[in-house]
Amino acid sequence: MQWWIWPVSAIVMILFVFALNRWTRLGDFKIKTLDIIVIPIWLILHVTMGYCFGVSLILWFLLLWCVMGAVLSWFLLQNKWHWRTFWHNYWEWSGLLGILLLLIVTIVGFWPH
């Protein structure tokens, strides 16, 4: 199997979830696309990095992201953020970080070809 199948499947999955959220009753629950795709995008990133480079560094990225989350929570919760607002935003930021890392891994993976 080619490694680039996984980023393509991530794009298809994101578009599918976006379409479900937009054109079905799922949108009435105020669940955004970023709320749904966080865990699958990190799994796809793990598999993509493993197939492309032979090693996956996702554990280190997640560890760094959790440390950054601890610092952000300490700072933002002291600045009168509600804890549910912070964790919802942090969850969405995790999805955006996963998408950004998947984009970087895909570009770097295509570079030697």
N, C-alpha and C. Protein backbone atom coordinates (compact mmCIF):
# COMPACT_ATOMS: atom_id res chain seq x y z
N MET A 1 0.85 -1.18 0.00
CA MET A 1 0.00 0.00 0.00
C MET A 1 0.89 1.24 0.00
N GLN A 2 0.50 2.21 -0.75
CA GLN A 2 1.24 3.47 -0.81
C GLN A 2 0.94 4.32 0.43
N TRP A 3 1.92 5.07 0.89
CA TRP A 3 1.74 5.87 2.10
C TRP A 3 0.81 7.05 1.87
N TRP A 4 0.72 7.56 0.66
CA TRP A 4 -0.08 8.76 0.39
C TRP A 4 -1.58 8.48 0.36
N ILE A 5 -1.96 7.20 0.44
CA ILE A 5 -3.39 6.85 0.52
C ILE A 5 -3.99 7.43 1.80
N TRP A 6 -3.22 7.44 2.89
CA TRP A 6 -3.74 7.90 4.17
C TRP A 6 -4.07 9.38 4.19
N PRO A 7 -3.21 10.28 3.69
CA PRO A 7 -3.62 11.70 3.64
C PRO A 7 -4.82 11.94 2.73
N VAL A 8 -4.91 11.19 1.64
CA VAL A 8 -6.07 11.32 0.76
C VAL A 8 -7.33 10.86 1.49
N SER A 9 -7.22 9.76 2.24
CA SER A 9 -8.38 9.30 3.01
C SER A 9 -8.76 10.29 4.10
N ALA A 10 -7.78 11.02 4.66
CA ALA A 10 -8.09 12.05 5.65
C ALA A 10 -8.90 13.18 5.02
N ILE A 11 -8.53 13.58 3.82
CA ILE A 11 -9.28 14.63 3.13
C ILE A 11 -10.71 14.16 2.84
N VAL A 12 -10.84 12.92 2.38
CA VAL A 12 -12.17 12.38 2.11
C VAL A 12 -12.99 12.30 3.39
N MET A 13 -12.36 11.88 4.50
CA MET A 13 -13.07 11.77 5.77
C MET A 13 -13.52 13.15 6.26
N ILE A 14 -12.65 14.14 6.15
CA ILE A 14 -13.00 15.50 6.59
C ILE A 14 -14.17 16.04 5.76
N LEU A 15 -14.12 15.83 4.45
CA LEU A 15 -15.22 16.29 3.60
C LEU A 15 -16.51 15.55 3.90
N PHE A 16 -16.42 14.25 4.19
CA PHE A 16 -17.59 13.46 4.53
C PHE A 16 -18.22 13.93 5.84
N VAL A 17 -17.39 14.17 6.85
CA VAL A 17 -17.91 14.65 8.13
C VAL A 17 -18.49 16.06 7.97
N PHE A 18 -17.83 16.89 7.18
CA PHE A 18 -18.35 18.22 6.92
C PHE A 18 -19.72 18.15 6.24
N ALA A 19 -19.86 17.26 5.26
CA ALA A 19 -21.14 17.10 4.56
C ALA A 19 -22.21 16.56 5.51
N LEU A 20 -21.85 15.58 6.33
CA LEU A 20 -22.81 15.06 7.31
C LEU A 20 -23.25 16.14 8.29
N ASN A 21 -22.31 16.92 8.73
CA ASN A 21 -22.61 17.97 9.69
C ASN A 21 -23.45 19.09 9.07
N ARG A 22 -23.25 19.31 7.80
CA ARG A 22 -23.93 20.42 7.13
C ARG A 22 -25.34 20.04 6.65
N TRP A 23 -25.48 18.83 6.09
CA TRP A 23 -26.72 18.49 5.41
C TRP A 23 -27.59 17.47 6.14
N THR A 24 -27.25 17.13 7.36
CA THR A 24 -28.11 16.24 8.13
C THR A 24 -28.50 16.93 9.43
N ARG A 25 -29.22 16.23 10.26
CA ARG A 25 -29.65 16.78 11.54
C ARG A 25 -28.52 16.82 12.56
N LEU A 26 -27.36 16.30 12.21
CA LEU A 26 -26.21 16.33 13.11
C LEU A 26 -25.79 17.77 13.40
N GLY A 27 -26.02 18.66 12.47
CA GLY A 27 -25.68 20.07 12.66
C GLY A 27 -26.53 20.75 13.72
N ASP A 28 -27.69 20.18 14.05
CA ASP A 28 -28.55 20.75 15.08
C ASP A 28 -27.96 20.59 16.48
N PHE A 29 -27.03 19.66 16.65
CA PHE A 29 -26.42 19.43 17.95
C PHE A 29 -25.23 20.34 18.24
N LYS A 30 -24.93 21.22 17.31
CA LYS A 30 -23.82 22.16 17.43
C LYS A 30 -22.48 21.45 17.60
N ILE A 31 -22.34 20.34 16.90
CA ILE A 31 -21.07 19.62 16.87
C ILE A 31 -20.36 20.04 15.59
N LYS A 32 -19.17 20.58 15.74
CA LYS A 32 -18.41 21.03 14.58
C LYS A 32 -17.60 19.89 13.99
N THR A 33 -17.12 20.11 12.79
CA THR A 33 -16.29 19.11 12.12
C THR A 33 -15.01 18.86 12.92
N LEU A 34 -14.42 19.92 13.47
CA LEU A 34 -13.19 19.75 14.25
C LEU A 34 -13.41 18.96 15.53
N ASP A 35 -14.62 18.95 16.05
CA ASP A 35 -14.90 18.16 17.24
C ASP A 35 -14.87 16.67 16.94
N ILE A 36 -15.22 16.29 15.74
CA ILE A 36 -15.35 14.88 15.37
C ILE A 36 -14.04 14.29 14.87
N ILE A 37 -13.23 15.06 14.16
CA ILE A 37 -12.09 14.48 13.44
C ILE A 37 -10.78 14.46 14.21
N VAL A 38 -10.76 14.87 15.46
CA VAL A 38 -9.49 14.97 16.17
C VAL A 38 -8.79 13.62 16.31
N ILE A 39 -9.45 12.64 16.86
CA ILE A 39 -8.80 11.34 17.07
C ILE A 39 -8.50 10.64 15.75
N PRO A 40 -9.42 10.60 14.77
CA PRO A 40 -9.05 9.96 13.50
C PRO A 40 -7.90 10.65 12.77
N ILE A 41 -7.80 11.96 12.88
CA ILE A 41 -6.72 12.65 12.17
C ILE A 41 -5.37 12.32 12.80
N TRP A 42 -5.32 12.17 14.13
CA TRP A 42 -4.07 11.79 14.78
C TRP A 42 -3.70 10.35 14.44
N LEU A 43 -4.69 9.46 14.33
CA LEU A 43 -4.39 8.08 13.93
C LEU A 43 -3.89 8.03 12.48
N ILE A 44 -4.51 8.79 11.61
CA ILE A 44 -4.07 8.84 10.21
C ILE A 44 -2.68 9.44 10.12
N LEU A 45 -2.40 10.44 10.93
CA LEU A 45 -1.05 11.03 10.95
C LEU A 45 -0.03 10.01 11.42
N HIS A 46 -0.37 9.22 12.42
CA HIS A 46 0.54 8.18 12.92
C HIS A 46 0.86 7.16 11.84
N VAL A 47 -0.17 6.69 11.15
CA VAL A 47 0.03 5.67 10.10
C VAL A 47 0.78 6.27 8.92
N THR A 48 0.45 7.50 8.54
CA THR A 48 1.13 8.15 7.42
C THR A 48 2.61 8.33 7.70
N MET A 49 2.93 8.82 8.89
CA MET A 49 4.33 9.01 9.24
C MET A 49 5.06 7.68 9.30
N GLY A 50 4.40 6.66 9.80
CA GLY A 50 5.02 5.33 9.87
C GLY A 50 5.30 4.75 8.50
N TYR A 51 4.34 4.83 7.60
CA TYR A 51 4.55 4.31 6.24
C TYR A 51 5.55 5.15 5.45
N CYS A 52 5.52 6.45 5.63
CA CYS A 52 6.37 7.33 4.82
C CYS A 52 7.83 7.31 5.29
N PHE A 53 8.05 7.38 6.59
CA PHE A 53 9.41 7.51 7.11
C PHE A 53 9.92 6.29 7.86
N GLY A 54 9.06 5.33 8.11
CA GLY A 54 9.47 4.14 8.82
C GLY A 54 9.43 4.27 10.33
N VAL A 55 9.18 5.46 10.84
CA VAL A 55 9.08 5.70 12.27
C VAL A 55 8.04 6.79 12.49
N SER A 56 7.28 6.65 13.57
CA SER A 56 6.27 7.64 13.88
C SER A 56 6.66 8.38 15.16
N LEU A 57 6.70 9.68 15.09
CA LEU A 57 7.07 10.51 16.24
C LEU A 57 5.85 11.15 16.88
N ILE A 58 4.68 10.58 16.65
CA ILE A 58 3.44 11.17 17.13
C ILE A 58 3.39 11.21 18.66
N LEU A 59 3.95 10.20 19.32
CA LEU A 59 3.97 10.20 20.78
C LEU A 59 4.69 11.43 21.31
N TRP A 60 5.79 11.81 20.69
CA TRP A 60 6.54 12.99 21.12
C TRP A 60 5.77 14.27 20.84
N PHE A 61 5.10 14.33 19.69
CA PHE A 61 4.27 15.51 19.39
C PHE A 61 3.14 15.64 20.40
N LEU A 62 2.49 14.52 20.73
CA LEU A 62 1.40 14.56 21.70
C LEU A 62 1.89 14.92 23.10
N LEU A 63 3.05 14.42 23.47
CA LEU A 63 3.62 14.77 24.77
C LEU A 63 3.93 16.26 24.85
N LEU A 64 4.52 16.80 23.82
CA LEU A 64 4.79 18.24 23.76
C LEU A 64 3.50 19.05 23.77
N TRP A 65 2.48 18.57 23.06
CA TRP A 65 1.20 19.26 23.00
C TRP A 65 0.50 19.24 24.37
N CYS A 66 0.64 18.14 25.10
CA CYS A 66 0.04 18.07 26.45
C CYS A 66 0.75 19.02 27.42
N VAL A 67 2.07 19.11 27.32
CA VAL A 67 2.80 20.07 28.16
C VAL A 67 2.39 21.49 27.82
N MET A 68 2.25 21.78 26.52
CA MET A 68 1.79 23.10 26.11
C MET A 68 0.37 23.37 26.61
N GLY A 69 -0.48 22.34 26.61
CA GLY A 69 -1.84 22.47 27.13
C GLY A 69 -1.85 22.76 28.62
N ALA A 70 -0.94 22.14 29.36
CA ALA A 70 -0.86 22.41 30.80
C ALA A 70 -0.46 23.86 31.05
N VAL A 71 0.48 24.37 30.28
CA VAL A 71 0.90 25.77 30.43
C VAL A 71 -0.23 26.70 30.02
N LEU A 72 -0.87 26.39 28.91
CA LEU A 72 -2.00 27.22 28.45
C LEU A 72 -3.15 27.21 29.45
N SER A 73 -3.44 26.04 30.02
CA SER A 73 -4.55 25.98 30.97
C SER A 73 -4.23 26.78 32.23
N TRP A 74 -3.00 26.70 32.68
CA TRP A 74 -2.61 27.47 33.87
C TRP A 74 -2.76 28.97 33.59
N PHE A 75 -2.31 29.40 32.43
CA PHE A 75 -2.36 30.82 32.10
C PHE A 75 -3.77 31.30 31.81
N LEU A 76 -4.49 30.57 30.95
CA LEU A 76 -5.81 31.04 30.52
C LEU A 76 -6.89 30.87 31.57
N LEU A 77 -6.80 29.84 32.40
CA LEU A 77 -7.81 29.67 33.43
C LEU A 77 -7.64 30.71 34.55
N GLN A 78 -6.45 31.23 34.70
CA GLN A 78 -6.26 32.33 35.64
C GLN A 78 -6.77 33.65 35.08
N ASN A 79 -6.90 33.73 33.77
CA ASN A 79 -7.41 34.94 33.11
C ASN A 79 -8.91 34.86 32.87
N LYS A 80 -9.61 34.19 33.77
CA LYS A 80 -11.08 34.15 33.80
C LYS A 80 -11.72 33.39 32.64
N TRP A 81 -11.00 32.45 32.03
CA TRP A 81 -11.63 31.57 31.06
C TRP A 81 -12.38 30.49 31.83
N HIS A 82 -13.55 30.11 31.33
CA HIS A 82 -14.27 29.00 31.92
C HIS A 82 -13.58 27.71 31.49
N TRP A 83 -13.53 26.72 32.37
CA TRP A 83 -12.78 25.52 32.06
C TRP A 83 -13.36 24.75 30.88
N ARG A 84 -14.68 24.75 30.68
CA ARG A 84 -15.28 24.05 29.53
C ARG A 84 -14.93 24.74 28.22
N THR A 85 -14.90 26.07 28.24
CA THR A 85 -14.52 26.82 27.04
C THR A 85 -13.08 26.51 26.67
N PHE A 86 -12.21 26.51 27.69
CA PHE A 86 -10.80 26.20 27.41
C PHE A 86 -10.63 24.82 26.83
N TRP A 87 -11.23 23.78 27.44
CA TRP A 87 -11.01 22.41 26.96
C TRP A 87 -11.65 22.18 25.60
N HIS A 88 -12.76 22.85 25.31
CA HIS A 88 -13.34 22.72 23.98
C HIS A 88 -12.43 23.36 22.94
N ASN A 89 -11.91 24.53 23.24
CA ASN A 89 -10.97 25.18 22.32
C ASN A 89 -9.69 24.37 22.17
N TYR A 90 -9.20 23.81 23.26
CA TYR A 90 -7.98 22.99 23.21
C TYR A 90 -8.21 21.74 22.36
N TRP A 91 -9.40 21.16 22.45
CA TRP A 91 -9.74 20.00 21.62
C TRP A 91 -9.73 20.39 20.14
N GLU A 92 -10.32 21.53 19.81
CA GLU A 92 -10.32 21.99 18.42
C GLU A 92 -8.90 22.33 17.96
N TRP A 93 -8.11 22.96 18.82
CA TRP A 93 -6.72 23.28 18.47
C TRP A 93 -5.93 22.01 18.23
N SER A 94 -6.26 20.93 18.95
CA SER A 94 -5.59 19.65 18.74
C SER A 94 -5.89 19.11 17.34
N GLY A 95 -7.12 19.27 16.89
CA GLY A 95 -7.47 18.86 15.53
C GLY A 95 -6.75 19.69 14.48
N LEU A 96 -6.67 20.99 14.71
CA LEU A 96 -5.96 21.85 13.78
C LEU A 96 -4.47 21.53 13.74
N LEU A 97 -3.89 21.24 14.90
CA LEU A 97 -2.47 20.85 14.95
C LEU A 97 -2.26 19.55 14.21
N GLY A 98 -3.16 18.59 14.38
CA GLY A 98 -3.05 17.32 13.66
C GLY A 98 -3.13 17.50 12.15
N ILE A 99 -4.03 18.37 11.71
CA ILE A 99 -4.15 18.65 10.27
C ILE A 99 -2.89 19.33 9.75
N LEU A 100 -2.36 20.27 10.51
CA LEU A 100 -1.12 20.96 10.10
C LEU A 100 0.05 19.99 10.02
N LEU A 101 0.19 19.12 11.01
CA LEU A 101 1.26 18.13 10.99
C LEU A 101 1.09 17.14 9.84
N LEU A 102 -0.14 16.75 9.55
CA LEU A 102 -0.39 15.85 8.42
C LEU A 102 -0.01 16.52 7.10
N LEU A 103 -0.32 17.79 6.98
CA LEU A 103 0.08 18.53 5.78
C LEU A 103 1.60 18.60 5.65
N ILE A 104 2.28 18.87 6.75
CA ILE A 104 3.75 18.95 6.72
C ILE A 104 4.36 17.60 6.39
N VAL A 105 3.86 16.52 7.01
CA VAL A 105 4.38 15.18 6.73
C VAL A 105 4.14 14.81 5.27
N THR A 106 2.99 15.17 4.72
CA THR A 106 2.70 14.86 3.32
C THR A 106 3.63 15.62 2.38
N ILE A 107 3.85 16.89 2.64
CA ILE A 107 4.75 17.68 1.79
C ILE A 107 6.17 17.16 1.87
N VAL A 108 6.64 16.89 3.09
CA VAL A 108 8.00 16.37 3.25
C VAL A 108 8.11 14.98 2.65
N GLY A 109 7.07 14.19 2.72
CA GLY A 109 7.08 12.85 2.13
C GLY A 109 7.17 12.87 0.61
N PHE A 110 6.55 13.84 0.00
CA PHE A 110 6.61 13.96 -1.46
C PHE A 110 7.89 14.64 -1.93
N TRP A 111 8.62 15.28 -1.04
CA TRP A 111 9.81 16.04 -1.43
C TRP A 111 10.85 15.18 -2.13
N PRO A 112 11.25 14.01 -1.62
CA PRO A 112 12.30 13.23 -2.32
C PRO A 112 11.84 12.58 -3.61
N HIS A 113 10.53 12.50 -3.84
CA HIS A 113 10.06 11.86 -5.07
C HIS A 113 10.26 12.81 -6.18
